[in-house]
Amino acid sequence: MTEQKLFAQPHESEWIELAPGNTRRVLIHTPELMQVEFGFEQGAVGKLHSHPHIQVSYVAEGRFEVTIDGETEVVEQGGSFIVPSGLEHGVVALTRGRLVDVFTPMRQDFL
């Protein structure tokens, strides 16, 4: 059995470019839970998609137009949103910003 990582420092994970103006880095995870940071330039899009994981997102910086299951709302710095399993969702960065997402279970496809 491997030892569980209990702490993560910002310099330990690499940013991956997903699309122009859209980056991601996995911060820390267990098989049951994963924390991921996403960076967006103004106007960048997190395209509509769905997955079986439950997701909770915290707007660490910026303002985002968030669509979940056809409902759209603007969420700004300090706000949060939850995406239940299987619902289609996506974001548009209204300003430069960062989202911190937590998934359960972890996103194996992000490793």
C-alpha atoms as a PDB file:
ATOM      1  CA  MET A   1       0.000   0.000   0.000  1.00  0.00           C
ATOM      2  CA  THR A   2       1.353   3.439  -0.904  1.00  0.00           C
ATOM      3  CA  GLU A   3       1.453   6.205   1.642  1.00  0.00           C
ATOM      4  CA  GLN A   4      -1.262   8.846   1.299  1.00  0.00           C
ATOM      5  CA  LYS A   5      -0.027  12.346   0.481  1.00  0.00           C
ATOM      6  CA  LEU A   6      -1.346  14.703   3.161  1.00  0.00           C
ATOM      7  CA  PHE A   7       0.032  18.055   1.957  1.00  0.00           C
ATOM      8  CA  ALA A   8       0.464  19.719  -1.429  1.00  0.00           C
ATOM      9  CA  GLN A   9       2.572  22.779  -2.211  1.00  0.00           C
ATOM     10  CA  PRO A  10       1.854  24.987  -5.253  1.00  0.00           C
ATOM     11  CA  HIS A  11       5.234  24.333  -6.910  1.00  0.00           C
ATOM     12  CA  GLU A  12       4.702  20.551  -6.867  1.00  0.00           C
ATOM     13  CA  SER A  13       2.204  20.319  -9.713  1.00  0.00           C
ATOM     14  CA  GLU A  14       2.544  21.374 -13.340  1.00  0.00           C
ATOM     15  CA  TRP A  15       0.003  23.438 -15.269  1.00  0.00           C
ATOM     16  CA  ILE A  16      -1.331  21.707 -18.393  1.00  0.00           C
ATOM     17  CA  GLU A  17      -2.756  23.763 -21.258  1.00  0.00           C
ATOM     18  CA  LEU A  18      -6.183  22.409 -22.209  1.00  0.00           C
ATOM     19  CA  ALA A  19      -7.065  25.007 -24.848  1.00  0.00           C
ATOM     20  CA  PRO A  20      -5.982  28.573 -25.569  1.00  0.00           C
ATOM     21  CA  GLY A  21      -6.468  30.539 -22.334  1.00  0.00           C
ATOM     22  CA  ASN A  22      -7.462  27.461 -20.316  1.00  0.00           C
ATOM     23  CA  THR A  23      -5.074  25.569 -17.991  1.00  0.00           C
ATOM     24  CA  ARG A  24      -5.363  22.909 -15.282  1.00  0.00           C
ATOM     25  CA  ARG A  25      -3.279  21.407 -12.502  1.00  0.00           C
ATOM     26  CA  VAL A  26      -4.118  18.575 -10.123  1.00  0.00           C
ATOM     27  CA  LEU A  27      -3.347  19.725  -6.581  1.00  0.00           C
ATOM     28  CA  ILE A  28      -3.951  16.625  -4.444  1.00  0.00           C
ATOM     29  CA  HIS A  29      -6.069  13.477  -4.494  1.00  0.00           C
ATOM     30  CA  THR A  30      -7.109  10.206  -2.935  1.00  0.00           C
ATOM     31  CA  PRO A  31      -9.142   7.516  -4.714  1.00  0.00           C
ATOM     32  CA  GLU A  32     -12.296   9.089  -3.234  1.00  0.00           C
ATOM     33  CA  LEU A  33     -11.535  12.799  -3.701  1.00  0.00           C
ATOM     34  CA  MET A  34      -9.554  15.151  -5.971  1.00  0.00           C
ATOM     35  CA  GLN A  35      -8.766  18.879  -5.859  1.00  0.00           C
ATOM     36  CA  VAL A  36      -7.922  20.610  -9.144  1.00  0.00           C
ATOM     37  CA  GLU A  37      -7.155  24.237 -10.038  1.00  0.00           C
ATOM     38  CA  PHE A  38      -8.213  25.674 -13.403  1.00  0.00           C
ATOM     39  CA  GLY A  39      -6.912  28.945 -14.838  1.00  0.00           C
ATOM     40  CA  PHE A  40      -8.838  30.977 -17.424  1.00  0.00           C
ATOM     41  CA  GLU A  41      -7.963  34.040 -19.457  1.00  0.00           C
ATOM     42  CA  GLN A  42     -10.842  36.453 -20.091  1.00  0.00           C
ATOM     43  CA  GLY A  43     -13.201  34.950 -22.661  1.00  0.00           C
ATOM     44  CA  ALA A  44     -11.866  31.401 -22.295  1.00  0.00           C
ATOM     45  CA  VAL A  45     -14.485  28.657 -22.332  1.00  0.00           C
ATOM     46  CA  GLY A  46     -14.821  25.470 -20.341  1.00  0.00           C
ATOM     47  CA  LYS A  47     -17.030  23.746 -22.925  1.00  0.00           C
ATOM     48  CA  LEU A  48     -20.263  22.017 -21.991  1.00  0.00           C
ATOM     49  CA  HIS A  49     -19.615  18.459 -20.824  1.00  0.00           C
ATOM     50  CA  SER A  50     -20.753  15.907 -18.260  1.00  0.00           C
ATOM     51  CA  HIS A  51     -19.120  13.224 -16.127  1.00  0.00           C
ATOM     52  CA  PRO A  52     -20.214  10.764 -13.443  1.00  0.00           C
ATOM     53  CA  HIS A  53     -18.301  12.602 -10.689  1.00  0.00           C
ATOM     54  CA  ILE A  54     -19.912  15.025  -8.248  1.00  0.00           C
ATOM     55  CA  GLN A  55     -18.146  18.383  -8.529  1.00  0.00           C
ATOM     56  CA  VAL A  56     -18.031  21.417  -6.264  1.00  0.00           C
ATOM     57  CA  SER A  57     -16.274  24.533  -7.559  1.00  0.00           C
ATOM     58  CA  TYR A  58     -14.974  27.621  -5.761  1.00  0.00           C
ATOM     59  CA  VAL A  59     -14.277  30.837  -7.675  1.00  0.00           C
ATOM     60  CA  ALA A  60     -10.857  31.782  -6.308  1.00  0.00           C
ATOM     61  CA  GLU A  61     -10.483  34.716  -8.699  1.00  0.00           C
ATOM     62  CA  GLY A  62     -12.583  36.414 -11.388  1.00  0.00           C
ATOM     63  CA  ARG A  63     -16.169  36.167 -12.657  1.00  0.00           C
ATOM     64  CA  PHE A  64     -17.654  33.251 -14.577  1.00  0.00           C
ATOM     65  CA  GLU A  65     -20.857  32.610 -16.466  1.00  0.00           C
ATOM     66  CA  VAL A  66     -21.714  29.105 -15.254  1.00  0.00           C
ATOM     67  CA  THR A  67     -24.252  26.847 -16.952  1.00  0.00           C
ATOM     68  CA  ILE A  68     -25.513  23.702 -15.206  1.00  0.00           C
ATOM     69  CA  ASP A  69     -28.262  21.592 -16.778  1.00  0.00           C
ATOM     70  CA  GLY A  70     -29.420  24.532 -18.929  1.00  0.00           C
ATOM     71  CA  GLU A  71     -29.516  27.054 -16.052  1.00  0.00           C
ATOM     72  CA  THR A  72     -27.011  29.937 -16.266  1.00  0.00           C
ATOM     73  CA  GLU A  73     -25.820  32.267 -13.521  1.00  0.00           C
ATOM     74  CA  VAL A  74     -22.826  34.582 -13.039  1.00  0.00           C
ATOM     75  CA  VAL A  75     -20.641  33.486 -10.123  1.00  0.00           C
ATOM     76  CA  GLU A  76     -17.870  35.783  -8.909  1.00  0.00           C
ATOM     77  CA  GLN A  77     -14.836  35.570  -6.633  1.00  0.00           C
ATOM     78  CA  GLY A  78     -15.759  33.897  -3.350  1.00  0.00           C
ATOM     79  CA  GLY A  79     -18.798  32.127  -4.826  1.00  0.00           C
ATOM     80  CA  SER A  80     -19.300  28.407  -5.372  1.00  0.00           C
ATOM     81  CA  PHE A  81     -21.405  25.985  -7.364  1.00  0.00           C
ATOM     82  CA  ILE A  82     -22.165  22.253  -7.298  1.00  0.00           C
ATOM     83  CA  VAL A  83     -22.554  19.985 -10.317  1.00  0.00           C
ATOM     84  CA  PRO A  84     -24.417  16.757  -9.509  1.00  0.00           C
ATOM     85  CA  SER A  85     -23.320  13.566 -11.253  1.00  0.00           C
ATOM     86  CA  GLY A  86     -24.153  13.390 -14.951  1.00  0.00           C
ATOM     87  CA  LEU A  87     -25.412  16.967 -15.480  1.00  0.00           C
ATOM     88  CA  GLU A  88     -24.122  18.920 -18.474  1.00  0.00           C
ATOM     89  CA  HIS A  89     -22.162  21.994 -17.397  1.00  0.00           C
ATOM     90  CA  GLY A  90     -19.612  24.539 -18.580  1.00  0.00           C
ATOM     91  CA  VAL A  91     -18.215  28.011 -17.930  1.00  0.00           C
ATOM     92  CA  VAL A  92     -17.203  31.194 -19.733  1.00  0.00           C
ATOM     93  CA  ALA A  93     -14.604  33.414 -18.054  1.00  0.00           C
ATOM     94  CA  LEU A  94     -16.021  36.950 -17.993  1.00  0.00           C
ATOM     95  CA  THR A  95     -12.687  38.120 -16.550  1.00  0.00           C
ATOM     96  CA  ARG A  96      -9.347  36.430 -16.019  1.00  0.00           C
ATOM     97  CA  GLY A  97      -9.923  33.915 -13.234  1.00  0.00           C
ATOM     98  CA  ARG A  98      -9.292  30.674 -11.382  1.00  0.00           C
ATOM     99  CA  LEU A  99     -11.590  27.885 -10.248  1.00  0.00           C
ATOM    100  CA  VAL A 100     -10.728  25.337  -7.570  1.00  0.00           C
ATOM    101  CA  ASP A 101     -12.745  22.176  -8.214  1.00  0.00           C
ATOM    102  CA  VAL A 102     -13.209  19.161  -5.978  1.00  0.00           C
ATOM    103  CA  PHE A 103     -14.409  15.882  -7.481  1.00  0.00           C
ATOM    104  CA  THR A 104     -15.691  12.717  -5.882  1.00  0.00           C
ATOM    105  CA  PRO A 105     -14.577  10.167  -6.727  1.00  0.00           C
ATOM    106  CA  MET A 106     -11.253  11.377  -8.145  1.00  0.00           C
ATOM    107  CA  ARG A 107     -10.929  12.010 -11.890  1.00  0.00           C
ATOM    108  CA  GLN A 108      -8.698   9.205 -13.129  1.00  0.00           C
ATOM    109  CA  ASP A 109      -8.707  10.870 -16.563  1.00  0.00           C
ATOM    110  CA  PHE A 110      -6.841  13.883 -15.066  1.00  0.00           C
ATOM    111  CA  LEU A 111      -3.813  11.802 -14.021  1.00  0.00           C
END
